[in-house]
């Protein structure tokens, strides 16, 4: 199973989008506070729509609370622009394993002391030189879908299930 960890997210719209992405992919979301917004914020709900009602998620008051409740024995990948290792360099294909991906706050990322303690697990998304960052919810989607691609989209529909697999063919015939 895939897990997304947000370290002190600052923008409810990003968090709502990430909640929606986690819901539709079956990923579990872990949010580490403190937060600059309420988890019942209108912006959060608008971005997540009604999808977030089915979300599996956990909230931790602080990083220390996260370590205490979550445990220190998990293999977490830390997404940062400071890594020299590209996210596609790792194997996330074993569907019997849990994969954890941590993303930092929009303004400053993951604290550098956390990154230094886990240098073998820091990864980056390639960008043009002199670019600072991508949008947080986009970063989550990029990393999560790479893991899912390597897992052959395990348990996800790869065809239209709501309107029917042949929906477009039927529309064209009309």
Protein backbone atom coordinates (compact mmCIF):
# COMPACT_ATOMS: atom_id res chain seq x y z
CA UNK A 1 0.00 0.00 0.00
CA UNK A 2 1.11 3.54 -0.67
CA UNK A 3 1.17 6.21 2.00
CA UNK A 4 1.53 9.97 1.60
CA UNK A 5 2.91 11.97 4.52
CA UNK A 6 2.43 15.74 4.56
CA UNK A 7 4.71 17.63 6.92
CA UNK A 8 2.88 20.75 8.12
CA UNK A 9 1.02 21.62 4.90
CA UNK A 10 0.12 25.32 4.68
CA UNK A 11 -2.50 25.55 1.93
CA UNK A 12 -5.91 23.96 2.35
CA UNK A 13 -6.46 23.78 -1.42
CA UNK A 14 -3.32 21.66 -1.88
CA UNK A 15 -4.25 19.43 1.04
CA UNK A 16 -7.77 19.00 -0.36
CA UNK A 17 -6.39 18.06 -3.78
CA UNK A 18 -4.00 15.58 -2.14
CA UNK A 19 -6.87 14.10 -0.14
CA UNK A 20 -8.79 13.55 -3.37
CA UNK A 21 -5.74 11.98 -5.06
CA UNK A 22 -5.21 9.65 -2.10
CA UNK A 23 -8.88 8.65 -2.09
CA UNK A 24 -9.03 7.77 -5.80
CA UNK A 25 -5.76 5.81 -5.65
CA UNK A 26 -6.36 4.02 -2.35
CA UNK A 27 -3.37 5.68 -0.69
CA UNK A 28 -3.39 6.42 3.03
CA UNK A 29 -2.74 10.03 4.02
CA UNK A 30 -0.76 11.06 7.11
CA UNK A 31 -0.81 14.76 8.07
CA UNK A 32 1.72 16.14 10.53
CA UNK A 33 0.78 19.40 12.26
CA UNK A 34 0.61 22.00 13.41
CA UNK A 35 -1.47 23.37 10.55
CA UNK A 36 -2.15 26.94 9.45
CA UNK A 37 -5.76 26.04 8.59
CA UNK A 38 -8.59 23.92 9.96
CA UNK A 39 -9.17 20.45 8.58
CA UNK A 40 -12.82 21.38 8.17
CA UNK A 41 -11.91 24.47 6.14
CA UNK A 42 -14.25 25.22 3.19
CA UNK A 43 -11.32 25.38 0.75
CA UNK A 44 -10.17 21.95 1.83
CA UNK A 45 -13.61 20.45 1.30
CA UNK A 46 -14.12 22.25 -2.02
CA UNK A 47 -10.82 20.89 -3.39
CA UNK A 48 -11.47 17.38 -2.06
CA UNK A 49 -15.15 17.40 -3.05
CA UNK A 50 -17.15 14.48 -1.69
CA UNK A 51 -14.23 12.13 -2.32
CA UNK A 52 -12.66 12.78 1.06
CA UNK A 53 -15.49 11.07 2.90
CA UNK A 54 -13.87 7.74 1.90
CA UNK A 55 -10.30 8.83 2.68
CA UNK A 56 -8.14 6.78 5.04
CA UNK A 57 -6.11 9.35 6.95
CA UNK A 58 -4.32 10.08 10.22
CA UNK A 59 -3.42 13.36 11.91
CA UNK A 60 -0.43 13.89 14.20
CA UNK A 61 -0.09 17.01 16.38
CA UNK A 62 3.66 17.29 15.76
CA UNK A 63 6.62 15.49 14.21
CA UNK A 64 7.39 13.99 17.63
CA UNK A 65 3.79 12.73 17.88
CA UNK A 66 4.17 11.28 14.36
CA UNK A 67 7.35 9.40 15.32
CA UNK A 68 5.76 8.09 18.52
CA UNK A 69 2.50 6.88 16.93
CA UNK A 70 3.75 6.05 13.44
CA UNK A 71 6.98 4.40 14.47
CA UNK A 72 10.58 4.89 13.45
CA UNK A 73 11.04 1.62 11.58
CA UNK A 74 9.29 2.54 8.32
CA UNK A 75 11.19 3.09 5.08
CA UNK A 76 10.13 6.59 4.16
CA UNK A 77 11.15 8.35 0.95
CA UNK A 78 11.62 12.09 1.51
CA UNK A 79 10.82 14.27 -1.51
CA UNK A 80 13.05 17.34 -1.76
CA UNK A 81 14.84 19.45 -4.32
CA UNK A 82 18.08 18.85 -2.41
CA UNK A 83 18.49 15.24 -3.53
CA UNK A 84 20.66 14.00 -6.38
CA UNK A 85 18.54 10.84 -6.72
CA UNK A 86 15.60 10.97 -9.09
CA UNK A 87 12.37 9.37 -7.83
CA UNK A 88 12.31 6.95 -10.80
CA UNK A 89 15.63 5.44 -9.63
CA UNK A 90 13.89 3.41 -6.93
CA UNK A 91 11.84 0.23 -7.10
CA UNK A 92 8.33 0.56 -5.64
CA UNK A 93 6.90 -2.47 -7.46
CA UNK A 94 6.39 -4.96 -4.61
CA UNK A 95 2.64 -4.85 -3.94
CA UNK A 96 3.10 -6.71 -0.64
CA UNK A 97 5.13 -3.81 0.80
CA UNK A 98 4.09 -0.45 2.16
CA UNK A 99 5.70 2.61 0.55
CA UNK A 100 5.82 5.92 2.39
CA UNK A 101 6.49 9.29 0.71
CA UNK A 102 6.96 12.44 2.79
CA UNK A 103 6.44 15.93 1.41
CA UNK A 104 7.28 19.15 3.22
CA UNK A 105 5.41 22.37 3.77
CA UNK A 106 4.92 24.59 0.74
CA UNK A 107 7.18 27.42 1.96
CA UNK A 108 10.23 25.55 3.30
CA UNK A 109 9.89 21.84 2.59
CA UNK A 110 11.00 19.11 4.97
CA UNK A 111 13.33 20.33 7.75
CA UNK A 112 16.96 19.78 6.81
CA UNK A 113 17.76 17.84 10.00
CA UNK A 114 15.15 15.24 8.99
CA UNK A 115 16.63 15.05 5.48
CA UNK A 116 20.21 14.70 6.79
CA UNK A 117 19.14 11.77 8.98
CA UNK A 118 17.75 9.92 5.94
CA UNK A 119 20.13 10.82 3.08
CA UNK A 120 19.79 7.35 1.53
CA UNK A 121 16.04 7.91 1.10
CA UNK A 122 15.81 11.46 -0.24
CA UNK A 123 14.48 11.78 -3.78
CA UNK A 124 13.76 14.58 -6.21
CA UNK A 125 11.54 15.39 -9.15
CA UNK A 126 13.67 16.77 -12.01
CA UNK A 127 13.01 20.38 -13.00
CA UNK A 128 14.65 23.01 -15.17
CA UNK A 129 17.74 24.60 -13.66
CA UNK A 130 17.08 27.57 -11.38
CA UNK A 131 13.50 26.39 -10.72
CA UNK A 132 12.60 26.31 -7.04
CA UNK A 133 9.62 24.01 -6.84
CA UNK A 134 6.47 22.48 -8.27
CA UNK A 135 3.03 22.72 -6.70
CA UNK A 136 2.76 20.34 -3.73
CA UNK A 137 -0.34 18.51 -4.94
CA UNK A 138 1.28 18.01 -8.36
CA UNK A 139 4.39 16.57 -6.69
CA UNK A 140 2.30 14.10 -4.71
CA UNK A 141 0.50 12.98 -7.88
CA UNK A 142 3.76 12.53 -9.81
CA UNK A 143 5.39 10.39 -7.11
CA UNK A 144 2.26 8.42 -6.24
CA UNK A 145 1.48 7.57 -9.85
CA UNK A 146 5.05 6.44 -10.48
CA UNK A 147 4.69 4.00 -7.59
CA UNK A 148 1.31 2.88 -8.93
CA UNK A 149 2.72 2.48 -12.46
CA UNK A 150 5.48 0.24 -11.10
CA UNK A 151 2.78 -1.72 -9.24
CA UNK A 152 0.85 -2.18 -12.52
CA UNK A 153 -1.88 0.07 -11.09
CA UNK A 154 -2.72 -2.66 -8.58
CA UNK A 155 -6.43 -2.56 -7.66
CA UNK A 156 -7.15 0.48 -9.86
CA UNK A 157 -9.53 0.49 -12.80
CA UNK A 158 -7.72 0.89 -16.11
CA UNK A 159 -10.93 1.35 -18.08
CA UNK A 160 -14.13 3.36 -17.66
CA UNK A 161 -16.29 1.73 -14.99
CA UNK A 162 -18.99 4.33 -14.31
CA UNK A 163 -20.38 4.84 -17.83
CA UNK A 164 -19.18 1.50 -19.16
CA UNK A 165 -16.03 0.28 -20.84
CA UNK A 166 -17.40 0.92 -24.34
CA UNK A 167 -18.97 4.31 -23.58
CA UNK A 168 -17.08 6.21 -26.31
CA UNK A 169 -17.79 3.56 -28.93
CA UNK A 170 -21.50 3.78 -28.13
CA UNK A 171 -21.40 7.59 -28.28
CA UNK A 172 -19.76 7.53 -31.72
CA UNK A 173 -22.46 5.19 -33.08
CA UNK A 174 -25.23 7.62 -32.11
